[in-house]
């Protein structure tokens, strides 16, 4: 794949960070018009069908009989559990706060990659892991005083863990599947399952199909999920995966700023301190020692390696 210029890389990164950042407050806003499970199922299913148009020309790379188990496991971890816990949990907490906890994921990926994939664990990564945990503990401290929902904290951590495990799983078996098909199939499979579960536990009559909801839904499906994942893989294909990983911390920062500006969410001292600790931890986990600069470990973000 043709390498991106510095300007193109910056543009792709800016788009990705903005879209994945705005996804959190927009998703919380959309819950005013739809129950969480149905909304989660609808948005992932539509995004998957949109990506299907891009994936079909690569049909020979699908190899369904040989790889369907990989798609299924990835769908469970990266879509059903990640998006499911995320969409339900965000109703219990401010969107910015929730996203800050979820983005402990890159730190978890660094640790799990060491245990499972055999990637190196250096002192910087170890310190980063400790700081990341301290950051989440600081942000979550409000749960013990009653100012923050314990359910929201648990679901945010569940989102981070499922996303982290799913990412490392894909890193382990990713060379056996086509990346575009992986994201497409897991979105469709996860979307079908969550829509079915939502149909059985929630009511389609509770969805307010007005212009506002439809507009937000389509924006999330097209920009925050489908185009963002295409953008992500364009960066990965150009050898920029580690660069994406090192800028992960900007996503919850964007989410927090937008949530404060447009949703009236407040910024607490615990949130600021916790976010700073998580930012430092992500930078340490993604930093490559100079003596090993010839081999840059790939730290993927979201399901695959994002989610949004």
C-alpha atoms as a PDB file:
ATOM      1  CA  UNK A   1       0.000   0.000   0.000  1.00  0.00           C
ATOM      2  CA  UNK A   2       1.308   3.452  -0.904  1.00  0.00           C
ATOM      3  CA  UNK A   3       2.829   5.326   2.021  1.00  0.00           C
ATOM      4  CA  UNK A   4       1.086   8.431   3.296  1.00  0.00           C
ATOM      5  CA  UNK A   5       2.808  11.797   3.342  1.00  0.00           C
ATOM      6  CA  UNK A   6       3.222  13.597   6.673  1.00  0.00           C
ATOM      7  CA  UNK A   7       0.335  15.873   5.775  1.00  0.00           C
ATOM      8  CA  UNK A   8      -1.928  12.967   4.860  1.00  0.00           C
ATOM      9  CA  UNK A   9      -0.989  11.098   8.025  1.00  0.00           C
ATOM     10  CA  UNK A  10      -1.821  14.153  10.136  1.00  0.00           C
ATOM     11  CA  UNK A  11      -5.164  14.560   8.331  1.00  0.00           C
ATOM     12  CA  UNK A  12      -6.112  10.909   8.773  1.00  0.00           C
ATOM     13  CA  UNK A  13      -5.111  10.998  12.454  1.00  0.00           C
ATOM     14  CA  UNK A  14      -7.068  14.190  13.080  1.00  0.00           C
ATOM     15  CA  UNK A  15     -10.182  12.705  11.469  1.00  0.00           C
ATOM     16  CA  UNK A  16      -9.858   9.444  13.431  1.00  0.00           C
ATOM     17  CA  UNK A  17      -9.301  11.120  16.790  1.00  0.00           C
ATOM     18  CA  UNK A  18     -12.134  13.605  16.253  1.00  0.00           C
ATOM     19  CA  UNK A  19     -14.630  10.972  15.121  1.00  0.00           C
ATOM     20  CA  UNK A  20     -13.817   8.491  17.892  1.00  0.00           C
ATOM     21  CA  UNK A  21     -13.849  11.356  20.381  1.00  0.00           C
ATOM     22  CA  UNK A  22     -17.214  12.749  19.314  1.00  0.00           C
ATOM     23  CA  UNK A  23     -18.699   9.241  19.263  1.00  0.00           C
ATOM     24  CA  UNK A  24     -19.021   9.144  23.068  1.00  0.00           C
ATOM     25  CA  UNK A  25     -21.113  12.265  23.712  1.00  0.00           C
ATOM     26  CA  UNK A  26     -23.141  11.622  20.545  1.00  0.00           C
ATOM     27  CA  UNK A  27     -23.914   8.071  21.664  1.00  0.00           C
ATOM     28  CA  UNK A  28     -25.028   9.307  25.077  1.00  0.00           C
ATOM     29  CA  UNK A  29     -27.201  11.941  23.385  1.00  0.00           C
ATOM     30  CA  UNK A  30     -28.771   9.287  21.132  1.00  0.00           C
ATOM     31  CA  UNK A  31     -29.906   7.320  24.191  1.00  0.00           C
ATOM     32  CA  UNK A  32     -32.512  10.030  24.737  1.00  0.00           C
ATOM     33  CA  UNK A  33     -34.252   8.630  21.658  1.00  0.00           C
ATOM     34  CA  UNK A  34     -33.588   4.867  21.805  1.00  0.00           C
ATOM     35  CA  UNK A  35     -33.026   2.094  24.370  1.00  0.00           C
ATOM     36  CA  UNK A  36     -29.334   1.115  24.687  1.00  0.00           C
ATOM     37  CA  UNK A  37     -29.204  -2.445  23.347  1.00  0.00           C
ATOM     38  CA  UNK A  38     -31.325  -1.754  20.291  1.00  0.00           C
ATOM     39  CA  UNK A  39     -29.352   1.409  19.575  1.00  0.00           C
ATOM     40  CA  UNK A  40     -26.065  -0.463  19.894  1.00  0.00           C
ATOM     41  CA  UNK A  41     -27.285  -3.226  17.603  1.00  0.00           C
ATOM     42  CA  UNK A  42     -28.699  -0.880  14.977  1.00  0.00           C
ATOM     43  CA  UNK A  43     -25.605   1.317  14.726  1.00  0.00           C
ATOM     44  CA  UNK A  44     -23.116  -1.550  14.459  1.00  0.00           C
ATOM     45  CA  UNK A  45     -25.274  -3.470  11.983  1.00  0.00           C
ATOM     46  CA  UNK A  46     -25.696  -0.455   9.695  1.00  0.00           C
ATOM     47  CA  UNK A  47     -21.971   0.320   9.882  1.00  0.00           C
ATOM     48  CA  UNK A  48     -21.156  -3.296   9.031  1.00  0.00           C
ATOM     49  CA  UNK A  49     -23.458  -3.262   6.009  1.00  0.00           C
ATOM     50  CA  UNK A  50     -21.829  -0.030   4.818  1.00  0.00           C
ATOM     51  CA  UNK A  51     -18.383  -1.616   5.079  1.00  0.00           C
ATOM     52  CA  UNK A  52     -19.677  -4.677   3.235  1.00  0.00           C
ATOM     53  CA  UNK A  53     -19.671  -2.556   0.076  1.00  0.00           C
ATOM     54  CA  UNK A  54     -15.930  -2.014   0.561  1.00  0.00           C
ATOM     55  CA  UNK A  55     -15.242  -5.629   1.544  1.00  0.00           C
ATOM     56  CA  UNK A  56     -17.076  -7.407  -1.298  1.00  0.00           C
ATOM     57  CA  UNK A  57     -14.375  -6.701  -3.916  1.00  0.00           C
ATOM     58  CA  UNK A  58     -12.047  -8.638  -1.562  1.00  0.00           C
ATOM     59  CA  UNK A  59     -14.382 -11.648  -1.422  1.00  0.00           C
ATOM     60  CA  UNK A  60     -11.582 -14.127  -2.149  1.00  0.00           C
ATOM     61  CA  UNK A  61      -9.932 -13.012   1.122  1.00  0.00           C
ATOM     62  CA  UNK A  62     -12.963 -13.884   3.262  1.00  0.00           C
ATOM     63  CA  UNK A  63     -12.171 -17.637   3.578  1.00  0.00           C
ATOM     64  CA  UNK A  64     -15.249 -18.150   5.741  1.00  0.00           C
ATOM     65  CA  UNK A  65     -14.918 -21.907   6.341  1.00  0.00           C
ATOM     66  CA  UNK A  66     -11.376 -21.554   7.646  1.00  0.00           C
ATOM     67  CA  UNK A  67     -11.824 -18.376   9.678  1.00  0.00           C
ATOM     68  CA  UNK A  68     -15.434 -18.102  10.898  1.00  0.00           C
ATOM     69  CA  UNK A  69     -14.433 -18.901  14.490  1.00  0.00           C
ATOM     70  CA  UNK A  70     -12.045 -15.938  14.496  1.00  0.00           C
ATOM     71  CA  UNK A  71     -14.810 -13.637  13.271  1.00  0.00           C
ATOM     72  CA  UNK A  72     -17.203 -14.986  15.915  1.00  0.00           C
ATOM     73  CA  UNK A  73     -14.796 -14.620  18.844  1.00  0.00           C
ATOM     74  CA  UNK A  74     -13.782 -11.153  17.698  1.00  0.00           C
ATOM     75  CA  UNK A  75     -17.444 -10.149  17.349  1.00  0.00           C
ATOM     76  CA  UNK A  76     -18.184 -11.289  20.909  1.00  0.00           C
ATOM     77  CA  UNK A  77     -15.234  -9.435  22.434  1.00  0.00           C
ATOM     78  CA  UNK A  78     -14.907  -6.350  20.240  1.00  0.00           C
ATOM     79  CA  UNK A  79     -18.532  -5.680  19.337  1.00  0.00           C
ATOM     80  CA  UNK A  80     -21.090  -7.405  21.569  1.00  0.00           C
ATOM     81  CA  UNK A  81     -19.297  -6.974  24.908  1.00  0.00           C
ATOM     82  CA  UNK A  82     -17.428  -3.774  24.050  1.00  0.00           C
ATOM     83  CA  UNK A  83     -20.257  -1.844  22.394  1.00  0.00           C
ATOM     84  CA  UNK A  84     -22.907  -3.469  24.589  1.00  0.00           C
ATOM     85  CA  UNK A  85     -21.266  -2.564  27.916  1.00  0.00           C
ATOM     86  CA  UNK A  86     -20.324   0.827  26.478  1.00  0.00           C
ATOM     87  CA  UNK A  87     -23.819   1.785  25.325  1.00  0.00           C
ATOM     88  CA  UNK A  88     -25.535   0.582  28.491  1.00  0.00           C
ATOM     89  CA  UNK A  89     -22.868   1.981  30.829  1.00  0.00           C
ATOM     90  CA  UNK A  90     -22.690   5.432  29.286  1.00  0.00           C
ATOM     91  CA  UNK A  91     -26.251   6.026  30.466  1.00  0.00           C
ATOM     92  CA  UNK A  92     -25.011   5.859  34.074  1.00  0.00           C
ATOM     93  CA  UNK A  93     -22.060   8.252  33.782  1.00  0.00           C
ATOM     94  CA  UNK A  94     -20.927  11.416  31.989  1.00  0.00           C
ATOM     95  CA  UNK A  95     -19.677  10.468  28.517  1.00  0.00           C
ATOM     96  CA  UNK A  96     -16.263  12.087  29.012  1.00  0.00           C
ATOM     97  CA  UNK A  97     -15.697  10.327  32.322  1.00  0.00           C
ATOM     98  CA  UNK A  98     -16.786   6.981  30.888  1.00  0.00           C
ATOM     99  CA  UNK A  99     -14.466   7.276  27.888  1.00  0.00           C
ATOM    100  CA  UNK A 100     -11.512   8.155  30.139  1.00  0.00           C
ATOM    101  CA  UNK A 101     -11.914   4.842  31.982  1.00  0.00           C
ATOM    102  CA  UNK A 102     -12.453   2.832  28.794  1.00  0.00           C
ATOM    103  CA  UNK A 103      -9.226   4.190  27.324  1.00  0.00           C
ATOM    104  CA  UNK A 104      -7.256   2.271  29.891  1.00  0.00           C
ATOM    105  CA  UNK A 105      -7.484  -0.251  27.021  1.00  0.00           C
ATOM    106  CA  UNK A 106      -4.134   0.600  25.377  1.00  0.00           C
ATOM    107  CA  UNK A 107      -2.431  -0.015  28.712  1.00  0.00           C
ATOM    108  CA  UNK A 108      -4.215  -3.358  29.087  1.00  0.00           C
ATOM    109  CA  UNK A 109      -3.164  -4.255  25.543  1.00  0.00           C
ATOM    110  CA  UNK A 110       0.473  -3.650  26.439  1.00  0.00           C
ATOM    111  CA  UNK A 111       0.212  -5.894  29.492  1.00  0.00           C
ATOM    112  CA  UNK A 112      -1.819  -8.650  27.818  1.00  0.00           C
ATOM    113  CA  UNK A 113       0.486  -8.613  24.778  1.00  0.00           C
ATOM    114  CA  UNK A 114       3.364  -9.347  27.130  1.00  0.00           C
ATOM    115  CA  UNK A 115       1.514 -12.262  28.762  1.00  0.00           C
ATOM    116  CA  UNK A 116      -0.167 -13.704  25.686  1.00  0.00           C
ATOM    117  CA  UNK A 117       1.716 -12.683  22.551  1.00  0.00           C
ATOM    118  CA  UNK A 118       5.217 -12.584  23.996  1.00  0.00           C
ATOM    119  CA  UNK A 119       5.925  -8.890  23.421  1.00  0.00           C
ATOM    120  CA  UNK A 120       8.643  -7.399  25.603  1.00  0.00           C
ATOM    121  CA  UNK A 121       7.872  -5.839  28.974  1.00  0.00           C
ATOM    122  CA  UNK A 122      10.344  -3.091  29.806  1.00  0.00           C
ATOM    123  CA  UNK A 123      10.448  -0.826  32.876  1.00  0.00           C
ATOM    124  CA  UNK A 124       8.589   1.964  31.045  1.00  0.00           C
ATOM    125  CA  UNK A 125       5.686  -0.334  30.200  1.00  0.00           C
ATOM    126  CA  UNK A 126       5.559  -1.628  33.773  1.00  0.00           C
ATOM    127  CA  UNK A 127       5.446   1.902  35.178  1.00  0.00           C
ATOM    128  CA  UNK A 128       2.834   2.803  32.540  1.00  0.00           C
ATOM    129  CA  UNK A 129       0.628  -0.094  33.654  1.00  0.00           C
ATOM    130  CA  UNK A 130       0.804   1.007  37.275  1.00  0.00           C
ATOM    131  CA  UNK A 131       0.043   4.640  36.407  1.00  0.00           C
ATOM    132  CA  UNK A 132      -2.873   3.577  34.202  1.00  0.00           C
ATOM    133  CA  UNK A 133      -4.431   1.583  37.020  1.00  0.00           C
ATOM    134  CA  UNK A 134      -3.842   4.500  39.390  1.00  0.00           C
ATOM    135  CA  UNK A 135      -5.554   6.818  36.917  1.00  0.00           C
ATOM    136  CA  UNK A 136      -8.653   4.656  36.682  1.00  0.00           C
ATOM    137  CA  UNK A 137      -8.707   4.255  40.473  1.00  0.00           C
ATOM    138  CA  UNK A 138      -8.536   8.041  40.871  1.00  0.00           C
ATOM    139  CA  UNK A 139     -11.367   8.642  38.401  1.00  0.00           C
ATOM    140  CA  UNK A 140     -13.459   5.863  39.956  1.00  0.00           C
ATOM    141  CA  UNK A 141     -12.969   7.101  43.515  1.00  0.00           C
ATOM    142  CA  UNK A 142     -16.236   9.004  43.250  1.00  0.00           C
ATOM    143  CA  UNK A 143     -18.030   5.685  43.130  1.00  0.00           C
ATOM    144  CA  UNK A 144     -17.218   5.105  46.784  1.00  0.00           C
ATOM    145  CA  UNK A 145     -18.686   8.457  47.804  1.00  0.00           C
ATOM    146  CA  UNK A 146     -21.815   7.960  45.757  1.00  0.00           C
ATOM    147  CA  UNK A 147     -21.119  10.790  43.316  1.00  0.00           C
ATOM    148  CA  UNK A 148     -20.443   8.361  40.466  1.00  0.00           C
ATOM    149  CA  UNK A 149     -22.472   5.273  39.529  1.00  0.00           C
ATOM    150  CA  UNK A 150     -20.724   2.049  40.546  1.00  0.00           C
ATOM    151  CA  UNK A 151     -22.614   0.278  37.753  1.00  0.00           C
ATOM    152  CA  UNK A 152     -21.205   2.791  35.276  1.00  0.00           C
ATOM    153  CA  UNK A 153     -17.657   2.218  36.539  1.00  0.00           C
ATOM    154  CA  UNK A 154     -18.026  -1.561  36.307  1.00  0.00           C
ATOM    155  CA  UNK A 155     -19.417  -1.374  32.765  1.00  0.00           C
ATOM    156  CA  UNK A 156     -16.650   1.053  31.700  1.00  0.00           C
ATOM    157  CA  UNK A 157     -14.015  -1.349  33.020  1.00  0.00           C
ATOM    158  CA  UNK A 158     -15.824  -4.267  31.337  1.00  0.00           C
ATOM    159  CA  UNK A 159     -15.706  -2.335  28.050  1.00  0.00           C
ATOM    160  CA  UNK A 160     -11.979  -1.698  28.460  1.00  0.00           C
ATOM    161  CA  UNK A 161     -11.213  -5.316  29.341  1.00  0.00           C
ATOM    162  CA  UNK A 162     -13.295  -6.852  26.543  1.00  0.00           C
ATOM    163  CA  UNK A 163     -11.752  -4.423  24.043  1.00  0.00           C
ATOM    164  CA  UNK A 164      -8.271  -5.103  25.368  1.00  0.00           C
ATOM    165  CA  UNK A 165      -8.654  -8.888  25.251  1.00  0.00           C
ATOM    166  CA  UNK A 166     -10.268  -8.658  21.823  1.00  0.00           C
ATOM    167  CA  UNK A 167      -7.429  -6.513  20.512  1.00  0.00           C
ATOM    168  CA  UNK A 168      -4.728  -8.874  21.717  1.00  0.00           C
ATOM    169  CA  UNK A 169      -6.677 -11.870  20.379  1.00  0.00           C
ATOM    170  CA  UNK A 170      -6.759 -10.255  16.940  1.00  0.00           C
ATOM    171  CA  UNK A 171      -3.055  -9.411  17.192  1.00  0.00           C
ATOM    172  CA  UNK A 172      -2.408 -13.097  17.856  1.00  0.00           C
ATOM    173  CA  UNK A 173      -4.496 -14.472  14.978  1.00  0.00           C
ATOM    174  CA  UNK A 174      -4.771 -11.403  12.754  1.00  0.00           C
ATOM    175  CA  UNK A 175      -2.437 -12.721  10.058  1.00  0.00           C
ATOM    176  CA  UNK A 176      -5.026 -15.430   9.316  1.00  0.00           C
ATOM    177  CA  UNK A 177      -7.818 -13.021   8.326  1.00  0.00           C
ATOM    178  CA  UNK A 178      -8.281 -10.015   6.067  1.00  0.00           C
ATOM    179  CA  UNK A 179      -8.552  -6.857   8.250  1.00  0.00           C
ATOM    180  CA  UNK A 180     -11.379  -5.278   6.267  1.00  0.00           C
ATOM    181  CA  UNK A 181     -13.410  -8.468   6.364  1.00  0.00           C
ATOM    182  CA  UNK A 182     -12.668  -8.861  10.060  1.00  0.00           C
ATOM    183  CA  UNK A 183     -14.145  -5.479  10.962  1.00  0.00           C
ATOM    184  CA  UNK A 184     -17.049  -5.903   8.523  1.00  0.00           C
ATOM    185  CA  UNK A 185     -18.082  -9.368   9.680  1.00  0.00           C
ATOM    186  CA  UNK A 186     -17.671  -8.664  13.385  1.00  0.00           C
ATOM    187  CA  UNK A 187     -19.831  -5.534  13.057  1.00  0.00           C
ATOM    188  CA  UNK A 188     -22.539  -7.417  11.171  1.00  0.00           C
ATOM    189  CA  UNK A 189     -22.457 -10.437  13.507  1.00  0.00           C
ATOM    190  CA  UNK A 190     -22.395  -8.289  16.621  1.00  0.00           C
ATOM    191  CA  UNK A 191     -25.082  -6.002  15.252  1.00  0.00           C
ATOM    192  CA  UNK A 192     -27.397  -8.919  14.474  1.00  0.00           C
ATOM    193  CA  UNK A 193     -26.945 -10.432  17.942  1.00  0.00           C
ATOM    194  CA  UNK A 194     -27.476  -7.154  19.818  1.00  0.00           C
ATOM    195  CA  UNK A 195     -30.475  -6.225  17.686  1.00  0.00           C
ATOM    196  CA  UNK A 196     -31.995  -9.641  18.413  1.00  0.00           C
ATOM    197  CA  UNK A 197     -31.318  -9.315  22.146  1.00  0.00           C
ATOM    198  CA  UNK A 198     -32.702  -5.782  22.131  1.00  0.00           C
ATOM    199  CA  UNK A 199     -35.814  -6.944  20.317  1.00  0.00           C
ATOM    200  CA  UNK A 200     -36.416  -9.508  23.057  1.00  0.00           C
ATOM    201  CA  UNK A 201     -35.664  -7.255  26.035  1.00  0.00           C
ATOM    202  CA  UNK A 202     -36.594  -3.771  24.831  1.00  0.00           C
ATOM    203  CA  UNK A 203     -39.325  -2.242  22.697  1.00  0.00           C
ATOM    204  CA  UNK A 204     -38.918  -0.878  19.186  1.00  0.00           C
ATOM    205  CA  UNK A 205     -41.792   1.422  20.099  1.00  0.00           C
ATOM    206  CA  UNK A 206     -39.473   3.235  22.512  1.00  0.00           C
ATOM    207  CA  UNK A 207     -37.339   4.493  19.614  1.00  0.00           C
ATOM    208  CA  UNK A 208     -38.157   8.056  18.567  1.00  0.00           C
ATOM    209  CA  UNK A 209     -37.585   8.046  14.815  1.00  0.00           C
ATOM    210  CA  UNK A 210     -37.312  11.782  14.338  1.00  0.00           C
ATOM    211  CA  UNK A 211     -34.848  13.760  12.206  1.00  0.00           C
ATOM    212  CA  UNK A 212     -32.528  14.380  15.151  1.00  0.00           C
ATOM    213  CA  UNK A 213     -32.125  10.723  16.081  1.00  0.00           C
ATOM    214  CA  UNK A 214     -31.811   9.541  12.487  1.00  0.00           C
ATOM    215  CA  UNK A 215     -29.199  12.216  11.796  1.00  0.00           C
ATOM    216  CA  UNK A 216     -27.122  11.295  14.858  1.00  0.00           C
ATOM    217  CA  UNK A 217     -27.470   7.579  14.103  1.00  0.00           C
ATOM    218  CA  UNK A 218     -26.308   7.963  10.509  1.00  0.00           C
ATOM    219  CA  UNK A 219     -23.429  10.236  11.525  1.00  0.00           C
ATOM    220  CA  UNK A 220     -22.177   7.647  14.024  1.00  0.00           C
ATOM    221  CA  UNK A 221     -22.626   4.754  11.564  1.00  0.00           C
ATOM    222  CA  UNK A 222     -20.974   6.498   8.619  1.00  0.00           C
ATOM    223  CA  UNK A 223     -18.285   8.640  10.214  1.00  0.00           C
ATOM    224  CA  UNK A 224     -17.575   7.334  13.733  1.00  0.00           C
ATOM    225  CA  UNK A 225     -17.608   3.665  12.757  1.00  0.00           C
ATOM    226  CA  UNK A 226     -17.411   2.846   9.027  1.00  0.00           C
ATOM    227  CA  UNK A 227     -15.161   5.648   7.694  1.00  0.00           C
ATOM    228  CA  UNK A 228     -13.122   5.744  10.896  1.00  0.00           C
ATOM    229  CA  UNK A 229     -12.249   2.081  10.559  1.00  0.00           C
ATOM    230  CA  UNK A 230     -11.306   2.535   6.914  1.00  0.00           C
ATOM    231  CA  UNK A 231      -9.145   5.467   7.981  1.00  0.00           C
ATOM    232  CA  UNK A 232      -7.581   3.344  10.714  1.00  0.00           C
ATOM    233  CA  UNK A 233      -6.625   0.577   8.318  1.00  0.00           C
ATOM    234  CA  UNK A 234      -5.269   3.079   5.811  1.00  0.00           C
ATOM    235  CA  UNK A 235      -2.914   4.279   8.540  1.00  0.00           C
ATOM    236  CA  UNK A 236      -2.045   0.732   9.561  1.00  0.00           C
ATOM    237  CA  UNK A 237      -1.400  -0.250   5.952  1.00  0.00           C
ATOM    238  CA  UNK A 238       1.023   2.650   5.665  1.00  0.00           C
ATOM    239  CA  UNK A 239       2.953   1.563   8.723  1.00  0.00           C
ATOM    240  CA  UNK A 240       1.403   4.145  11.045  1.00  0.00           C
ATOM    241  CA  UNK A 241      -0.232   1.807  13.604  1.00  0.00           C
ATOM    242  CA  UNK A 242       2.224   2.714  16.358  1.00  0.00           C
ATOM    243  CA  UNK A 243       1.618   6.397  15.632  1.00  0.00           C
ATOM    244  CA  UNK A 244      -2.117   5.874  16.087  1.00  0.00           C
ATOM    245  CA  UNK A 245      -1.431   4.082  19.355  1.00  0.00           C
ATOM    246  CA  UNK A 246       0.674   6.931  20.696  1.00  0.00           C
ATOM    247  CA  UNK A 247      -2.151   9.425  20.071  1.00  0.00           C
ATOM    248  CA  UNK A 248      -4.862   7.319  21.692  1.00  0.00           C
ATOM    249  CA  UNK A 249      -4.933   9.560  24.752  1.00  0.00           C
ATOM    250  CA  UNK A 250      -6.354  12.427  22.675  1.00  0.00           C
ATOM    251  CA  UNK A 251      -9.628  10.556  22.102  1.00  0.00           C
ATOM    252  CA  UNK A 252     -10.991  10.759  25.681  1.00  0.00           C
ATOM    253  CA  UNK A 253      -9.639  14.311  25.867  1.00  0.00           C
ATOM    254  CA  UNK A 254     -11.733  15.275  22.823  1.00  0.00           C
ATOM    255  CA  UNK A 255     -14.704  13.439  24.318  1.00  0.00           C
ATOM    256  CA  UNK A 256     -14.393  15.286  27.619  1.00  0.00           C
ATOM    257  CA  UNK A 257     -14.066  18.709  25.964  1.00  0.00           C
ATOM    258  CA  UNK A 258     -17.100  18.123  23.714  1.00  0.00           C
ATOM    259  CA  UNK A 259     -19.144  16.696  26.595  1.00  0.00           C
ATOM    260  CA  UNK A 260     -18.409  19.767  28.717  1.00  0.00           C
ATOM    261  CA  UNK A 261     -19.126  22.230  25.903  1.00  0.00           C
ATOM    262  CA  UNK A 262     -22.254  20.677  24.424  1.00  0.00           C
ATOM    263  CA  UNK A 263     -23.741  18.431  27.126  1.00  0.00           C
ATOM    264  CA  UNK A 264     -23.042  20.487  30.223  1.00  0.00           C
ATOM    265  CA  UNK A 265     -20.962  17.797  31.895  1.00  0.00           C
ATOM    266  CA  UNK A 266     -18.677  18.924  34.710  1.00  0.00           C
ATOM    267  CA  UNK A 267     -14.936  18.478  35.114  1.00  0.00           C
ATOM    268  CA  UNK A 268     -13.762  17.269  38.534  1.00  0.00           C
ATOM    269  CA  UNK A 269     -10.320  17.284  40.116  1.00  0.00           C
ATOM    270  CA  UNK A 270     -10.360  13.472  40.199  1.00  0.00           C
ATOM    271  CA  UNK A 271     -11.133  13.356  36.485  1.00  0.00           C
ATOM    272  CA  UNK A 272      -8.265  15.702  35.613  1.00  0.00           C
ATOM    273  CA  UNK A 273      -5.727  13.861  37.798  1.00  0.00           C
ATOM    274  CA  UNK A 274      -6.902  10.456  36.574  1.00  0.00           C
ATOM    275  CA  UNK A 275      -6.841  11.511  32.936  1.00  0.00           C
ATOM    276  CA  UNK A 276      -3.290  12.886  33.289  1.00  0.00           C
ATOM    277  CA  UNK A 277      -2.147   9.579  34.813  1.00  0.00           C
ATOM    278  CA  UNK A 278      -3.802   7.599  32.003  1.00  0.00           C
ATOM    279  CA  UNK A 279      -2.264   9.865  29.358  1.00  0.00           C
ATOM    280  CA  UNK A 280       1.217   9.347  30.829  1.00  0.00           C
ATOM    281  CA  UNK A 281       0.615   5.606  31.100  1.00  0.00           C
ATOM    282  CA  UNK A 282      -0.421   5.323  27.427  1.00  0.00           C
ATOM    283  CA  UNK A 283       2.639   7.286  26.326  1.00  0.00           C
ATOM    284  CA  UNK A 284       4.927   5.022  28.364  1.00  0.00           C
ATOM    285  CA  UNK A 285       3.283   1.812  27.160  1.00  0.00           C
ATOM    286  CA  UNK A 286       3.521   2.911  23.528  1.00  0.00           C
ATOM    287  CA  UNK A 287       7.073   4.221  23.746  1.00  0.00           C
ATOM    288  CA  UNK A 288       9.713   2.119  22.016  1.00  0.00           C
ATOM    289  CA  UNK A 289      13.164   2.013  23.654  1.00  0.00           C
ATOM    290  CA  UNK A 290      15.800   3.603  21.407  1.00  0.00           C
ATOM    291  CA  UNK A 291      17.890   0.478  21.249  1.00  0.00           C
ATOM    292  CA  UNK A 292      14.897  -1.357  19.807  1.00  0.00           C
ATOM    293  CA  UNK A 293      13.721   1.362  17.469  1.00  0.00           C
ATOM    294  CA  UNK A 294      14.146  -1.001  14.521  1.00  0.00           C
ATOM    295  CA  UNK A 295      11.203  -2.991  15.778  1.00  0.00           C
ATOM    296  CA  UNK A 296       8.147  -0.962  16.688  1.00  0.00           C
ATOM    297  CA  UNK A 297       5.415  -3.026  18.349  1.00  0.00           C
ATOM    298  CA  UNK A 298       1.969  -2.424  16.945  1.00  0.00           C
ATOM    299  CA  UNK A 299      -0.533  -1.192  19.491  1.00  0.00           C
ATOM    300  CA  UNK A 300      -3.927  -1.076  17.840  1.00  0.00           C
ATOM    301  CA  UNK A 301      -6.737   0.912  19.259  1.00  0.00           C
ATOM    302  CA  UNK A 302     -10.178  -0.170  19.092  1.00  0.00           C
ATOM    303  CA  UNK A 303     -11.409  -3.441  18.234  1.00  0.00           C
ATOM    304  CA  UNK A 304      -9.100  -4.865  16.237  1.00  0.00           C
ATOM    305  CA  UNK A 305      -7.876  -3.542  17.020  1.00  0.00           C
ATOM    306  CA  UNK A 306     -10.754   1.441  18.521  1.00  0.00           C
ATOM    307  CA  UNK A 307     -13.881   0.290  18.575  1.00  0.00           C
ATOM    308  CA  UNK A 308     -15.774   3.080  18.801  1.00  0.00           C
END
